[in-house]
Amino acid sequence: GIFIIGRIKGIARPGFMPTLPVKNSDDGFNMIDVG
């Protein structure tokens, strides 16, 4: 992603973002960065 596709101008570091579950909704939540 970084060395072939490249970053968006103005973004110094990309971040991994999954969607994770929560107890009171089916929507979940996003957490970034995860590694």
Full PDB file with SEQRES, HELIX, SHEET, SSBOND, CRYST1, ORIGX, SCALE, CONECT and MASTER records, all heavy atoms in Angstrom:
SEQRES   1 A   35  GLY ILE PHE ILE ILE GLY ARG ILE LYS GLY ILE ALA ARG          
SEQRES   2 A   35  PRO GLY PHE MET PRO THR LEU PRO VAL LYS ASN SER ASP          
SEQRES   3 A   35  ASP GLY PHE ASN MET ILE ASP VAL GLY                          
SHEET    1 AA1 2 THR A  19  VAL A  22  0                                        
SHEET    2 AA1 2 SER A  25  ASN A  30 -1                                        
CRYST1    1.000    1.000    1.000  90.00  90.00  90.00 P 1           1          
ORIGX1      1.000000  0.000000  0.000000        0.00000                         
ORIGX2      0.000000  1.000000  0.000000        0.00000                         
ORIGX3      0.000000  0.000000  1.000000        0.00000                         
SCALE1      1.000000  0.000000  0.000000        0.00000                         
SCALE2      0.000000  1.000000  0.000000        0.00000                         
SCALE3      0.000000  0.000000  1.000000        0.00000                         
ATOM      1  N   GLY A   1       0.807  -1.214   0.000  1.00  0.00           N  
ATOM      2  CA  GLY A   1       0.000   0.000   0.000  1.00  0.00           C  
ATOM      3  C   GLY A   1       0.838   1.261   0.000  1.00  0.00           C  
ATOM      4  O   GLY A   1       0.587   2.201  -0.763  1.00  0.00           O  
ATOM      5  N   ILE A   2       1.854   1.288   0.848  1.00  0.00           N  
ATOM      6  CA  ILE A   2       2.680   2.492   0.982  1.00  0.00           C  
ATOM      7  C   ILE A   2       3.614   2.676  -0.202  1.00  0.00           C  
ATOM      8  O   ILE A   2       3.707   3.763  -0.783  1.00  0.00           O  
ATOM      9  CB  ILE A   2       3.486   2.439   2.300  1.00  0.00           C  
ATOM     10  CG1 ILE A   2       2.550   2.539   3.504  1.00  0.00           C  
ATOM     11  CG2 ILE A   2       4.525   3.555   2.340  1.00  0.00           C  
ATOM     12  CD1 ILE A   2       3.245   2.365   4.833  1.00  0.00           C  
ATOM     13  N   PHE A   3       4.341   1.608  -0.579  1.00  0.00           N  
ATOM     14  CA  PHE A   3       5.408   1.743  -1.570  1.00  0.00           C  
ATOM     15  C   PHE A   3       4.947   1.554  -3.011  1.00  0.00           C  
ATOM     16  O   PHE A   3       5.651   1.965  -3.937  1.00  0.00           O  
ATOM     17  CB  PHE A   3       6.538   0.765  -1.258  1.00  0.00           C  
ATOM     18  CG  PHE A   3       7.206   1.034   0.066  1.00  0.00           C  
ATOM     19  CD1 PHE A   3       7.082   0.140   1.112  1.00  0.00           C  
ATOM     20  CD2 PHE A   3       7.932   2.200   0.269  1.00  0.00           C  
ATOM     21  CE1 PHE A   3       7.695   0.388   2.343  1.00  0.00           C  
ATOM     22  CE2 PHE A   3       8.551   2.459   1.489  1.00  0.00           C  
ATOM     23  CZ  PHE A   3       8.417   1.562   2.530  1.00  0.00           C  
ATOM     24  N   ILE A   4       3.803   0.933  -3.229  1.00  0.00           N  
ATOM     25  CA  ILE A   4       3.315   0.765  -4.603  1.00  0.00           C  
ATOM     26  C   ILE A   4       2.143   1.703  -4.872  1.00  0.00           C  
ATOM     27  O   ILE A   4       2.202   2.537  -5.778  1.00  0.00           O  
ATOM     28  CB  ILE A   4       2.904  -0.701  -4.867  1.00  0.00           C  
ATOM     29  CG1 ILE A   4       4.123  -1.629  -4.713  1.00  0.00           C  
ATOM     30  CG2 ILE A   4       2.310  -0.827  -6.280  1.00  0.00           C  
ATOM     31  CD1 ILE A   4       3.795  -3.104  -4.872  1.00  0.00           C  
ATOM     32  N   ILE A   5       1.088   1.609  -4.086  1.00  0.00           N  
ATOM     33  CA  ILE A   5      -0.100   2.444  -4.321  1.00  0.00           C  
ATOM     34  C   ILE A   5       0.144   3.877  -3.877  1.00  0.00           C  
ATOM     35  O   ILE A   5      -0.217   4.826  -4.562  1.00  0.00           O  
ATOM     36  CB  ILE A   5      -1.323   1.833  -3.604  1.00  0.00           C  
ATOM     37  CG1 ILE A   5      -1.659   0.477  -4.227  1.00  0.00           C  
ATOM     38  CG2 ILE A   5      -2.524   2.778  -3.671  1.00  0.00           C  
ATOM     39  CD1 ILE A   5      -2.739  -0.295  -3.514  1.00  0.00           C  
ATOM     40  N   GLY A   6       0.773   4.055  -2.715  1.00  0.00           N  
ATOM     41  CA  GLY A   6       1.124   5.385  -2.242  1.00  0.00           C  
ATOM     42  C   GLY A   6       0.097   5.996  -1.293  1.00  0.00           C  
ATOM     43  O   GLY A   6      -1.066   5.602  -1.278  1.00  0.00           O  
ATOM     44  N   ARG A   7       0.562   6.966  -0.513  1.00  0.00           N  
ATOM     45  CA  ARG A   7      -0.290   7.631   0.473  1.00  0.00           C  
ATOM     46  C   ARG A   7      -1.008   8.828  -0.142  1.00  0.00           C  
ATOM     47  O   ARG A   7      -0.562   9.405  -1.124  1.00  0.00           O  
ATOM     48  CB  ARG A   7       0.554   8.116   1.660  1.00  0.00           C  
ATOM     49  CG  ARG A   7       1.208   7.015   2.459  1.00  0.00           C  
ATOM     50  CD  ARG A   7       1.841   7.582   3.725  1.00  0.00           C  
ATOM     51  NE  ARG A   7       2.909   8.527   3.423  1.00  0.00           N  
ATOM     52  CZ  ARG A   7       4.184   8.203   3.298  1.00  0.00           C  
ATOM     53  NH1 ARG A   7       4.559   6.951   3.435  1.00  0.00           N  
ATOM     54  NH2 ARG A   7       5.092   9.122   3.041  1.00  0.00           N  
ATOM     55  N   ILE A   8      -2.112   9.204   0.484  1.00  0.00           N  
ATOM     56  CA  ILE A   8      -2.800  10.437   0.148  1.00  0.00           C  
ATOM     57  C   ILE A   8      -1.944  11.611   0.628  1.00  0.00           C  
ATOM     58  O   ILE A   8      -1.401  11.580   1.734  1.00  0.00           O  
ATOM     59  CB  ILE A   8      -4.186  10.490   0.820  1.00  0.00           C  
ATOM     60  CG1 ILE A   8      -5.105   9.438   0.189  1.00  0.00           C  
ATOM     61  CG2 ILE A   8      -4.816  11.880   0.695  1.00  0.00           C  
ATOM     62  CD1 ILE A   8      -6.424   9.294   0.911  1.00  0.00           C  
ATOM     63  N   LYS A   9      -1.821  12.621  -0.191  1.00  0.00           N  
ATOM     64  CA  LYS A   9      -1.067  13.807   0.208  1.00  0.00           C  
ATOM     65  C   LYS A   9      -1.690  14.420   1.455  1.00  0.00           C  
ATOM     66  O   LYS A   9      -2.890  14.654   1.524  1.00  0.00           O  
ATOM     67  CB  LYS A   9      -1.072  14.833  -0.929  1.00  0.00           C  
ATOM     68  CG  LYS A   9      -0.202  16.045  -0.660  1.00  0.00           C  
ATOM     69  CD  LYS A   9      -0.212  16.994  -1.841  1.00  0.00           C  
ATOM     70  CE  LYS A   9       0.666  18.214  -1.576  1.00  0.00           C  
ATOM     71  NZ  LYS A   9       0.652  19.158  -2.714  1.00  0.00           N  
ATOM     72  N   GLY A  10      -0.867  14.651   2.477  1.00  0.00           N  
ATOM     73  CA  GLY A  10      -1.363  15.189   3.740  1.00  0.00           C  
ATOM     74  C   GLY A  10      -1.514  14.129   4.816  1.00  0.00           C  
ATOM     75  O   GLY A  10      -1.725  14.455   5.983  1.00  0.00           O  
ATOM     76  N   ILE A  11      -1.405  12.827   4.441  1.00  0.00           N  
ATOM     77  CA  ILE A  11      -1.454  11.734   5.406  1.00  0.00           C  
ATOM     78  C   ILE A  11      -0.054  11.164   5.548  1.00  0.00           C  
ATOM     79  O   ILE A  11       0.485  10.575   4.616  1.00  0.00           O  
ATOM     80  CB  ILE A  11      -2.424  10.618   4.959  1.00  0.00           C  
ATOM     81  CG1 ILE A  11      -3.842  11.167   4.834  1.00  0.00           C  
ATOM     82  CG2 ILE A  11      -2.383   9.448   5.929  1.00  0.00           C  
ATOM     83  CD1 ILE A  11      -4.462  11.566   6.146  1.00  0.00           C  
ATOM     84  N   ALA A  12       0.548  11.359   6.719  1.00  0.00           N  
ATOM     85  CA  ALA A  12       1.913  10.893   6.937  1.00  0.00           C  
ATOM     86  C   ALA A  12       1.976   9.387   7.133  1.00  0.00           C  
ATOM     87  O   ALA A  12       2.932   8.730   6.709  1.00  0.00           O  
ATOM     88  CB  ALA A  12       2.525  11.595   8.157  1.00  0.00           C  
ATOM     89  N   ARG A  13       0.973   8.823   7.791  1.00  0.00           N  
ATOM     90  CA  ARG A  13       0.963   7.388   8.084  1.00  0.00           C  
ATOM     91  C   ARG A  13      -0.445   6.831   7.911  1.00  0.00           C  
ATOM     92  O   ARG A  13      -1.390   7.339   8.515  1.00  0.00           O  
ATOM     93  CB  ARG A  13       1.416   7.125   9.524  1.00  0.00           C  
ATOM     94  CG  ARG A  13       2.858   7.495   9.836  1.00  0.00           C  
ATOM     95  CD  ARG A  13       3.836   6.508   9.213  1.00  0.00           C  
ATOM     96  NE  ARG A  13       5.175   6.756   9.696  1.00  0.00           N  
ATOM     97  CZ  ARG A  13       6.006   7.666   9.187  1.00  0.00           C  
ATOM     98  NH1 ARG A  13       5.597   8.428   8.181  1.00  0.00           N  
ATOM     99  NH2 ARG A  13       7.218   7.826   9.683  1.00  0.00           N  
ATOM    100  N   PRO A  14      -0.628   5.791   7.114  1.00  0.00           N  
ATOM    101  CA  PRO A  14      -1.929   5.126   7.053  1.00  0.00           C  
ATOM    102  C   PRO A  14      -2.167   4.301   8.312  1.00  0.00           C  
ATOM    103  O   PRO A  14      -1.221   3.986   9.046  1.00  0.00           O  
ATOM    104  CB  PRO A  14      -1.804   4.225   5.821  1.00  0.00           C  
ATOM    105  CG  PRO A  14      -0.341   3.951   5.721  1.00  0.00           C  
ATOM    106  CD  PRO A  14       0.360   5.179   6.217  1.00  0.00           C  
ATOM    107  N   GLY A  15      -3.423   3.958   8.570  1.00  0.00           N  
ATOM    108  CA  GLY A  15      -3.756   3.167   9.752  1.00  0.00           C  
ATOM    109  C   GLY A  15      -4.731   2.057   9.420  1.00  0.00           C  
ATOM    110  O   GLY A  15      -5.646   2.242   8.609  1.00  0.00           O  
ATOM    111  N   PHE A  16      -4.549   0.893  10.040  1.00  0.00           N  
ATOM    112  CA  PHE A  16      -5.484  -0.217   9.870  1.00  0.00           C  
ATOM    113  C   PHE A  16      -6.715   0.016  10.730  1.00  0.00           C  
ATOM    114  O   PHE A  16      -6.604   0.358  11.914  1.00  0.00           O  
ATOM    115  CB  PHE A  16      -4.834  -1.537  10.287  1.00  0.00           C  
ATOM    116  CG  PHE A  16      -4.122  -2.252   9.164  1.00  0.00           C  
ATOM    117  CD1 PHE A  16      -2.769  -2.533   9.251  1.00  0.00           C  
ATOM    118  CD2 PHE A  16      -4.811  -2.644   8.023  1.00  0.00           C  
ATOM    119  CE1 PHE A  16      -2.113  -3.200   8.232  1.00  0.00           C  
ATOM    120  CE2 PHE A  16      -4.162  -3.310   6.994  1.00  0.00           C  
ATOM    121  CZ  PHE A  16      -2.802  -3.595   7.098  1.00  0.00           C  
ATOM    122  N   MET A  17      -7.891  -0.205  10.145  1.00  0.00           N  
ATOM    123  CA  MET A  17      -9.142   0.050  10.861  1.00  0.00           C  
ATOM    124  C   MET A  17     -10.155  -1.081  10.630  1.00  0.00           C  
ATOM    125  O   MET A  17     -10.748  -1.186   9.557  1.00  0.00           O  
ATOM    126  CB  MET A  17      -9.757   1.374  10.411  1.00  0.00           C  
ATOM    127  CG  MET A  17     -11.017   1.763  11.170  1.00  0.00           C  
ATOM    128  SD  MET A  17     -12.002   2.984  10.279  1.00  0.00           S  
ATOM    129  CE  MET A  17     -12.647   1.970   8.932  1.00  0.00           C  
ATOM    130  N   PRO A  18     -10.384  -1.939  11.627  1.00  0.00           N  
ATOM    131  CA  PRO A  18     -11.463  -2.920  11.542  1.00  0.00           C  
ATOM    132  C   PRO A  18     -12.748  -2.362  12.145  1.00  0.00           C  
ATOM    133  O   PRO A  18     -12.758  -1.297  12.770  1.00  0.00           O  
ATOM    134  CB  PRO A  18     -10.936  -4.071  12.395  1.00  0.00           C  
ATOM    135  CG  PRO A  18     -10.158  -3.362  13.480  1.00  0.00           C  
ATOM    136  CD  PRO A  18      -9.563  -2.123  12.828  1.00  0.00           C  
ATOM    137  N   THR A  19     -13.844  -3.083  11.961  1.00  0.00           N  
ATOM    138  CA  THR A  19     -15.093  -2.820  12.661  1.00  0.00           C  
ATOM    139  C   THR A  19     -15.293  -3.945  13.665  1.00  0.00           C  
ATOM    140  O   THR A  19     -15.187  -5.122  13.311  1.00  0.00           O  
ATOM    141  CB  THR A  19     -16.288  -2.766  11.699  1.00  0.00           C  
ATOM    142  OG1 THR A  19     -16.038  -1.768  10.701  1.00  0.00           O  
ATOM    143  CG2 THR A  19     -17.567  -2.416  12.443  1.00  0.00           C  
ATOM    144  N   LEU A  20     -15.566  -3.596  14.919  1.00  0.00           N  
ATOM    145  CA  LEU A  20     -15.655  -4.564  16.004  1.00  0.00           C  
ATOM    146  C   LEU A  20     -17.033  -4.522  16.655  1.00  0.00           C  
ATOM    147  O   LEU A  20     -17.735  -3.512  16.579  1.00  0.00           O  
ATOM    148  CB  LEU A  20     -14.568  -4.270  17.044  1.00  0.00           C  
ATOM    149  CG  LEU A  20     -13.131  -4.374  16.512  1.00  0.00           C  
ATOM    150  CD1 LEU A  20     -12.145  -3.847  17.551  1.00  0.00           C  
ATOM    151  CD2 LEU A  20     -12.794  -5.794  16.120  1.00  0.00           C  
ATOM    152  N   PRO A  21     -17.452  -5.602  17.322  1.00  0.00           N  
ATOM    153  CA  PRO A  21     -18.807  -5.666  17.883  1.00  0.00           C  
ATOM    154  C   PRO A  21     -18.969  -4.889  19.182  1.00  0.00           C  
ATOM    155  O   PRO A  21     -17.994  -4.631  19.897  1.00  0.00           O  
ATOM    156  CB  PRO A  21     -18.987  -7.172  18.145  1.00  0.00           C  
ATOM    157  CG  PRO A  21     -17.603  -7.667  18.410  1.00  0.00           C  
ATOM    158  CD  PRO A  21     -16.708  -6.861  17.495  1.00  0.00           C  
ATOM    159  N   VAL A  22     -20.204  -4.516  19.476  1.00  0.00           N  
ATOM    160  CA  VAL A  22     -20.575  -3.930  20.768  1.00  0.00           C  
ATOM    161  C   VAL A  22     -21.800  -4.673  21.295  1.00  0.00           C  
ATOM    162  O   VAL A  22     -22.524  -5.317  20.533  1.00  0.00           O  
ATOM    163  CB  VAL A  22     -20.874  -2.421  20.680  1.00  0.00           C  
ATOM    164  CG1 VAL A  22     -19.633  -1.647  20.283  1.00  0.00           C  
ATOM    165  CG2 VAL A  22     -22.009  -2.149  19.692  1.00  0.00           C  
ATOM    166  N   LYS A  23     -22.061  -4.555  22.581  1.00  0.00           N  
ATOM    167  CA  LYS A  23     -23.093  -5.388  23.197  1.00  0.00           C  
ATOM    168  C   LYS A  23     -24.521  -4.915  22.927  1.00  0.00           C  
ATOM    169  O   LYS A  23     -25.447  -5.720  22.951  1.00  0.00           O  
ATOM    170  CB  LYS A  23     -22.865  -5.473  24.710  1.00  0.00           C  
ATOM    171  CG  LYS A  23     -23.106  -4.172  25.470  1.00  0.00           C  
ATOM    172  CD  LYS A  23     -22.838  -4.345  26.959  1.00  0.00           C  
ATOM    173  CE  LYS A  23     -23.188  -3.085  27.743  1.00  0.00           C  
ATOM    174  NZ  LYS A  23     -22.889  -3.217  29.177  1.00  0.00           N  
ATOM    175  N   ASN A  24     -24.720  -3.636  22.679  1.00  0.00           N  
ATOM    176  CA  ASN A  24     -26.084  -3.103  22.612  1.00  0.00           C  
ATOM    177  C   ASN A  24     -26.521  -2.688  21.212  1.00  0.00           C  
ATOM    178  O   ASN A  24     -27.496  -1.965  21.039  1.00  0.00           O  
ATOM    179  CB  ASN A  24     -26.212  -1.900  23.553  1.00  0.00           C  
ATOM    180  CG  ASN A  24     -25.208  -0.803  23.227  1.00  0.00           C  
ATOM    181  OD1 ASN A  24     -24.355  -0.976  22.362  1.00  0.00           O  
ATOM    182  ND2 ASN A  24     -25.304   0.315  23.919  1.00  0.00           N  
ATOM    183  N   SER A  25     -25.783  -3.117  20.189  1.00  0.00           N  
ATOM    184  CA  SER A  25     -26.114  -2.698  18.836  1.00  0.00           C  
ATOM    185  C   SER A  25     -25.493  -3.661  17.836  1.00  0.00           C  
ATOM    186  O   SER A  25     -24.495  -4.328  18.138  1.00  0.00           O  
ATOM    187  CB  SER A  25     -25.611  -1.277  18.573  1.00  0.00           C  
ATOM    188  OG  SER A  25     -25.730  -0.932  17.217  1.00  0.00           O  
ATOM    189  N   ASP A  26     -26.049  -3.724  16.640  1.00  0.00           N  
ATOM    190  CA  ASP A  26     -25.461  -4.512  15.572  1.00  0.00           C  
ATOM    191  C   ASP A  26     -24.510  -3.685  14.709  1.00  0.00           C  
ATOM    192  O   ASP A  26     -23.924  -4.204  13.760  1.00  0.00           O  
ATOM    193  CB  ASP A  26     -26.567  -5.095  14.686  1.00  0.00           C  
ATOM    194  CG  ASP A  26     -27.365  -6.179  15.392  1.00  0.00           C  
ATOM    195  OD1 ASP A  26     -26.791  -6.867  16.268  1.00  0.00           O  
ATOM    196  OD2 ASP A  26     -28.561  -6.333  15.081  1.00  0.00           O  
ATOM    197  N   ASP A  27     -24.376  -2.399  15.031  1.00  0.00           N  
ATOM    198  CA  ASP A  27     -23.540  -1.523  14.218  1.00  0.00           C  
ATOM    199  C   ASP A  27     -22.050  -1.704  14.469  1.00  0.00           C  
ATOM    200  O   ASP A  27     -21.240  -1.518  13.575  1.00  0.00           O  
ATOM    201  CB  ASP A  27     -23.913  -0.054  14.472  1.00  0.00           C  
ATOM    202  CG  ASP A  27     -25.279   0.291  13.912  1.00  0.00           C  
ATOM    203  OD1 ASP A  27     -25.677  -0.328  12.914  1.00  0.00           O  
ATOM    204  OD2 ASP A  27     -25.943   1.173  14.481  1.00  0.00           O  
ATOM    205  N   GLY A  28     -21.672  -2.042  15.704  1.00  0.00           N  
ATOM    206  CA  GLY A  28     -20.264  -2.157  16.034  1.00  0.00           C  
ATOM    207  C   GLY A  28     -19.587  -0.797  16.127  1.00  0.00           C  
ATOM    208  O   GLY A  28     -20.228   0.252  16.119  1.00  0.00           O  
ATOM    209  N   PHE A  29     -18.266  -0.824  16.206  1.00  0.00           N  
ATOM    210  CA  PHE A  29     -17.493   0.421  16.228  1.00  0.00           C  
ATOM    211  C   PHE A  29     -16.199   0.225  15.459  1.00  0.00           C  
ATOM    212  O   PHE A  29     -15.709  -0.900  15.293  1.00  0.00           O  
ATOM    213  CB  PHE A  29     -17.201   0.875  17.670  1.00  0.00           C  
ATOM    214  CG  PHE A  29     -16.135   0.059  18.378  1.00  0.00           C  
ATOM    215  CD1 PHE A  29     -14.828   0.525  18.470  1.00  0.00           C  
ATOM    216  CD2 PHE A  29     -16.436  -1.164  18.961  1.00  0.00           C  
ATOM    217  CE1 PHE A  29     -13.851  -0.212  19.124  1.00  0.00           C  
ATOM    218  CE2 PHE A  29     -15.472  -1.910  19.632  1.00  0.00           C  
ATOM    219  CZ  PHE A  29     -14.170  -1.432  19.702  1.00  0.00           C  
ATOM    220  N   ASN A  30     -15.646   1.323  14.951  1.00  0.00           N  
ATOM    221  CA  ASN A  30     -14.368   1.297  14.244  1.00  0.00           C  
ATOM    222  C   ASN A  30     -13.241   1.672  15.188  1.00  0.00           C  
ATOM    223  O   ASN A  30     -13.376   2.618  15.975  1.00  0.00           O  
ATOM    224  CB  ASN A  30     -14.378   2.278  13.072  1.00  0.00           C  
ATOM    225  CG  ASN A  30     -15.304   1.843  11.961  1.00  0.00           C  
ATOM    226  OD1 ASN A  30     -16.289   2.516  11.666  1.00  0.00           O  
ATOM    227  ND2 ASN A  30     -15.022   0.713  11.345  1.00  0.00           N  
ATOM    228  N   MET A  31     -12.130   0.941  15.101  1.00  0.00           N  
ATOM    229  CA  MET A  31     -10.954   1.290  15.890  1.00  0.00           C  
ATOM    230  C   MET A  31      -9.758   1.448  14.960  1.00  0.00           C  
ATOM    231  O   MET A  31      -9.529   0.623  14.079  1.00  0.00           O  
ATOM    232  CB  MET A  31     -10.650   0.220  16.946  1.00  0.00           C  
ATOM    233  CG  MET A  31      -9.505   0.608  17.866  1.00  0.00           C  
ATOM    234  SD  MET A  31      -9.450  -0.381  19.387  1.00  0.00           S  
ATOM    235  CE  MET A  31      -9.073  -1.995  18.719  1.00  0.00           C  
ATOM    236  N   ILE A  32      -9.021   2.532  15.136  1.00  0.00           N  
ATOM    237  CA  ILE A  32      -7.878   2.850  14.299  1.00  0.00           C  
ATOM    238  C   ILE A  32      -6.810   3.531  15.153  1.00  0.00           C  
ATOM    239  O   ILE A  32      -7.143   4.382  15.959  1.00  0.00           O  
ATOM    240  CB  ILE A  32      -8.312   3.740  13.104  1.00  0.00           C  
ATOM    241  CG1 ILE A  32      -7.181   3.946  12.117  1.00  0.00           C  
ATOM    242  CG2 ILE A  32      -8.876   5.080  13.573  1.00  0.00           C  
ATOM    243  CD1 ILE A  32      -7.610   4.622  10.798  1.00  0.00           C  
ATOM    244  N   ASP A  33      -5.599   3.154  15.064  1.00  0.00           N  
ATOM    245  CA  ASP A  33      -4.892   2.182  14.264  1.00  0.00           C  
ATOM    246  C   ASP A  33      -4.736   0.886  15.065  1.00  0.00           C  
ATOM    247  O   ASP A  33      -4.568   0.940  16.277  1.00  0.00           O  
ATOM    248  CB  ASP A  33      -3.524   2.770  13.901  1.00  0.00           C  
ATOM    249  CG  ASP A  33      -2.595   1.833  13.175  1.00  0.00           C  
ATOM    250  OD1 ASP A  33      -3.067   0.973  12.424  1.00  0.00           O  
ATOM    251  OD2 ASP A  33      -1.375   1.968  13.358  1.00  0.00           O  
ATOM    252  N   VAL A  34      -4.751  -0.266  14.371  1.00  0.00           N  
ATOM    253  CA  VAL A  34      -4.615  -1.530  15.080  1.00  0.00           C  
ATOM    254  C   VAL A  34      -3.376  -2.299  14.632  1.00  0.00           C  
ATOM    255  O   VAL A  34      -3.361  -3.522  14.653  1.00  0.00           O  
ATOM    256  CB  VAL A  34      -5.872  -2.406  14.928  1.00  0.00           C  
ATOM    257  CG1 VAL A  34      -7.086  -1.729  15.536  1.00  0.00           C  
ATOM    258  CG2 VAL A  34      -6.121  -2.786  13.482  1.00  0.00           C  
ATOM    259  N   GLY A  35      -2.328  -1.567  14.233  1.00  0.00           N  
ATOM    260  CA  GLY A  35      -1.088  -2.269  13.970  1.00  0.00           C  
ATOM    261  C   GLY A  35      -0.257  -1.810  12.806  1.00  0.00           C  
ATOM    262  O   GLY A  35       0.818  -2.352  12.556  1.00  0.00           O  
TER     263      GLY A  35                                                      
MASTER        0    0    0    0    2    0    0    6  262    1    0    3          
END                                                                             
